[in-house]
Every structure is written in C-alpha cells, then in structure tokens.
Amino acid sequence: METIDHGAGIFGGLLVFMLIFAFVCFIIHIALCVWAYRDSRRKGKSQEFSMLVLIALFFFPIMGLIVYLIIRNDDGLNL
C-alpha cells in the first residue's frame, strides 16, 4: 500500500504564495521609486537630485523614503 505525502502540496502552495507576494512587493517598490522621481521633478528639483532620489529609494527603500519625505518640502523641517 502506498502512502501519499500531502506535505509537498502544502509546500508548493506556500511557495507559490511567497512568489506572488514577492512579485507584488517588487512592483510596489518600483512604483514607489517612480513616484518619488516624478514628485521630485514636479517640485522643481534638478535632474541630478531626482536621479539621486531614485537610486537611493531603489537600494534603500524604507530609509530612503523616510529621508525623502522629510526633505521633499521646501518648508519642511529646518534641522
């Protein structure tokens, strides 16, 4: 009599879920980078500053977003 291993099915479902979740997070990450770049250009910042924002958000998404949100306004925090 053969035994059926149901663990492989659970692992496969979990793997598919994790891949979809990672893909959605990646899409959100890219959209966030594009938004910050466009926002920087719309606020009249230079091309170089906007590219720096884009690169910083691509490599350091959470910390880069926090820093950008603090410095994005001209009348922001004066530290």
C-alpha atoms as a PDB file:
ATOM      1  CA  MET A   1       0.000   0.000   0.000  1.00  0.00           C
ATOM      2  CA  GLU A   2       1.347   3.443  -0.967  1.00  0.00           C
ATOM      3  CA  THR A   3       1.369   6.409   1.344  1.00  0.00           C
ATOM      4  CA  ILE A   4       0.514   9.825  -0.048  1.00  0.00           C
ATOM      5  CA  ASP A   5       2.698  12.718   1.038  1.00  0.00           C
ATOM      6  CA  HIS A   6       0.494  15.800   1.462  1.00  0.00           C
ATOM      7  CA  GLY A   7       3.401  17.916   2.695  1.00  0.00           C
ATOM      8  CA  ALA A   8       4.616  18.512  -0.854  1.00  0.00           C
ATOM      9  CA  GLY A   9       1.280  20.051  -1.818  1.00  0.00           C
ATOM     10  CA  ILE A  10       1.332  22.424   1.144  1.00  0.00           C
ATOM     11  CA  PHE A  11       4.920  23.391   0.398  1.00  0.00           C
ATOM     12  CA  GLY A  12       4.081  24.014  -3.259  1.00  0.00           C
ATOM     13  CA  GLY A  13       1.135  26.236  -2.325  1.00  0.00           C
ATOM     14  CA  LEU A  14       3.260  28.156   0.151  1.00  0.00           C
ATOM     15  CA  LEU A  15       5.977  28.584  -2.460  1.00  0.00           C
ATOM     16  CA  VAL A  16       3.501  29.965  -4.999  1.00  0.00           C
ATOM     17  CA  PHE A  17       2.072  32.354  -2.384  1.00  0.00           C
ATOM     18  CA  MET A  18       5.545  33.609  -1.460  1.00  0.00           C
ATOM     19  CA  LEU A  19       6.488  34.140  -5.108  1.00  0.00           C
ATOM     20  CA  ILE A  20       3.314  36.133  -5.754  1.00  0.00           C
ATOM     21  CA  PHE A  21       3.866  38.154  -2.567  1.00  0.00           C
ATOM     22  CA  ALA A  22       7.489  38.903  -3.557  1.00  0.00           C
ATOM     23  CA  PHE A  23       6.372  39.966  -7.036  1.00  0.00           C
ATOM     24  CA  VAL A  24       3.707  42.314  -5.632  1.00  0.00           C
ATOM     25  CA  CYS A  25       6.257  43.831  -3.218  1.00  0.00           C
ATOM     26  CA  PHE A  26       8.679  44.346  -6.106  1.00  0.00           C
ATOM     27  CA  ILE A  27       6.013  46.101  -8.191  1.00  0.00           C
ATOM     28  CA  ILE A  28       5.147  48.376  -5.232  1.00  0.00           C
ATOM     29  CA  HIS A  29       8.847  49.109  -4.750  1.00  0.00           C
ATOM     30  CA  ILE A  30       9.313  50.120  -8.395  1.00  0.00           C
ATOM     31  CA  ALA A  31       6.126  52.226  -8.318  1.00  0.00           C
ATOM     32  CA  LEU A  32       7.410  53.993  -5.193  1.00  0.00           C
ATOM     33  CA  CYS A  33      10.723  54.780  -6.903  1.00  0.00           C
ATOM     34  CA  VAL A  34       8.949  56.182  -9.967  1.00  0.00           C
ATOM     35  CA  TRP A  35       6.564  58.234  -7.794  1.00  0.00           C
ATOM     36  CA  ALA A  36       9.424  59.785  -5.825  1.00  0.00           C
ATOM     37  CA  TYR A  37      11.319  60.631  -9.027  1.00  0.00           C
ATOM     38  CA  ARG A  38       8.271  62.278 -10.602  1.00  0.00           C
ATOM     39  CA  ASP A  39       7.408  64.096  -7.370  1.00  0.00           C
ATOM     40  CA  SER A  40      10.938  65.444  -7.145  1.00  0.00           C
ATOM     41  CA  ARG A  41      10.815  66.700 -10.736  1.00  0.00           C
ATOM     42  CA  ARG A  42       7.353  68.215 -10.195  1.00  0.00           C
ATOM     43  CA  LYS A  43       8.629  70.139  -7.176  1.00  0.00           C
ATOM     44  CA  GLY A  44      11.273  71.755  -9.390  1.00  0.00           C
ATOM     45  CA  LYS A  45      14.309  69.826  -8.193  1.00  0.00           C
ATOM     46  CA  SER A  46      17.224  69.253 -10.569  1.00  0.00           C
ATOM     47  CA  GLN A  47      17.607  66.165 -12.733  1.00  0.00           C
ATOM     48  CA  GLU A  48      20.619  65.068 -10.685  1.00  0.00           C
ATOM     49  CA  PHE A  49      18.750  65.366  -7.384  1.00  0.00           C
ATOM     50  CA  SER A  50      15.820  63.414  -8.826  1.00  0.00           C
ATOM     51  CA  MET A  51      18.141  60.638 -10.017  1.00  0.00           C
ATOM     52  CA  LEU A  52      19.783  60.547  -6.590  1.00  0.00           C
ATOM     53  CA  VAL A  53      16.341  60.129  -5.012  1.00  0.00           C
ATOM     54  CA  LEU A  54      15.523  57.348  -7.464  1.00  0.00           C
ATOM     55  CA  ILE A  55      18.761  55.472  -6.782  1.00  0.00           C
ATOM     56  CA  ALA A  56      18.511  55.935  -3.012  1.00  0.00           C
ATOM     57  CA  LEU A  57      14.958  54.590  -2.968  1.00  0.00           C
ATOM     58  CA  PHE A  58      15.902  51.665  -5.173  1.00  0.00           C
ATOM     59  CA  PHE A  59      18.721  50.496  -2.900  1.00  0.00           C
ATOM     60  CA  PHE A  60      17.390  51.706   0.485  1.00  0.00           C
ATOM     61  CA  PRO A  61      13.589  51.709   0.115  1.00  0.00           C
ATOM     62  CA  ILE A  62      12.416  52.286   3.689  1.00  0.00           C
ATOM     63  CA  MET A  63      15.166  54.606   4.884  1.00  0.00           C
ATOM     64  CA  GLY A  64      15.251  56.415   1.537  1.00  0.00           C
ATOM     65  CA  LEU A  65      11.507  57.038   1.659  1.00  0.00           C
ATOM     66  CA  ILE A  66      11.689  58.422   5.195  1.00  0.00           C
ATOM     67  CA  VAL A  67      14.537  60.772   4.275  1.00  0.00           C
ATOM     68  CA  TYR A  68      12.837  61.868   1.055  1.00  0.00           C
ATOM     69  CA  LEU A  69       9.543  62.584   2.810  1.00  0.00           C
ATOM     70  CA  ILE A  70      11.408  64.760   5.328  1.00  0.00           C
ATOM     71  CA  ILE A  71      13.388  66.771   2.747  1.00  0.00           C
ATOM     72  CA  ARG A  72      10.850  66.923  -0.102  1.00  0.00           C
ATOM     73  CA  ASN A  73       9.078  70.101   1.016  1.00  0.00           C
ATOM     74  CA  ASP A  74      10.817  73.450   0.876  1.00  0.00           C
ATOM     75  CA  ASP A  75       9.026  74.490   4.061  1.00  0.00           C
ATOM     76  CA  GLY A  76       9.751  71.182   5.791  1.00  0.00           C
ATOM     77  CA  LEU A  77      11.674  70.620   8.982  1.00  0.00           C
ATOM     78  CA  ASN A  78      14.580  73.004   9.443  1.00  0.00           C
ATOM     79  CA  LEU A  79      17.035  70.826  11.312  1.00  0.00           C
END
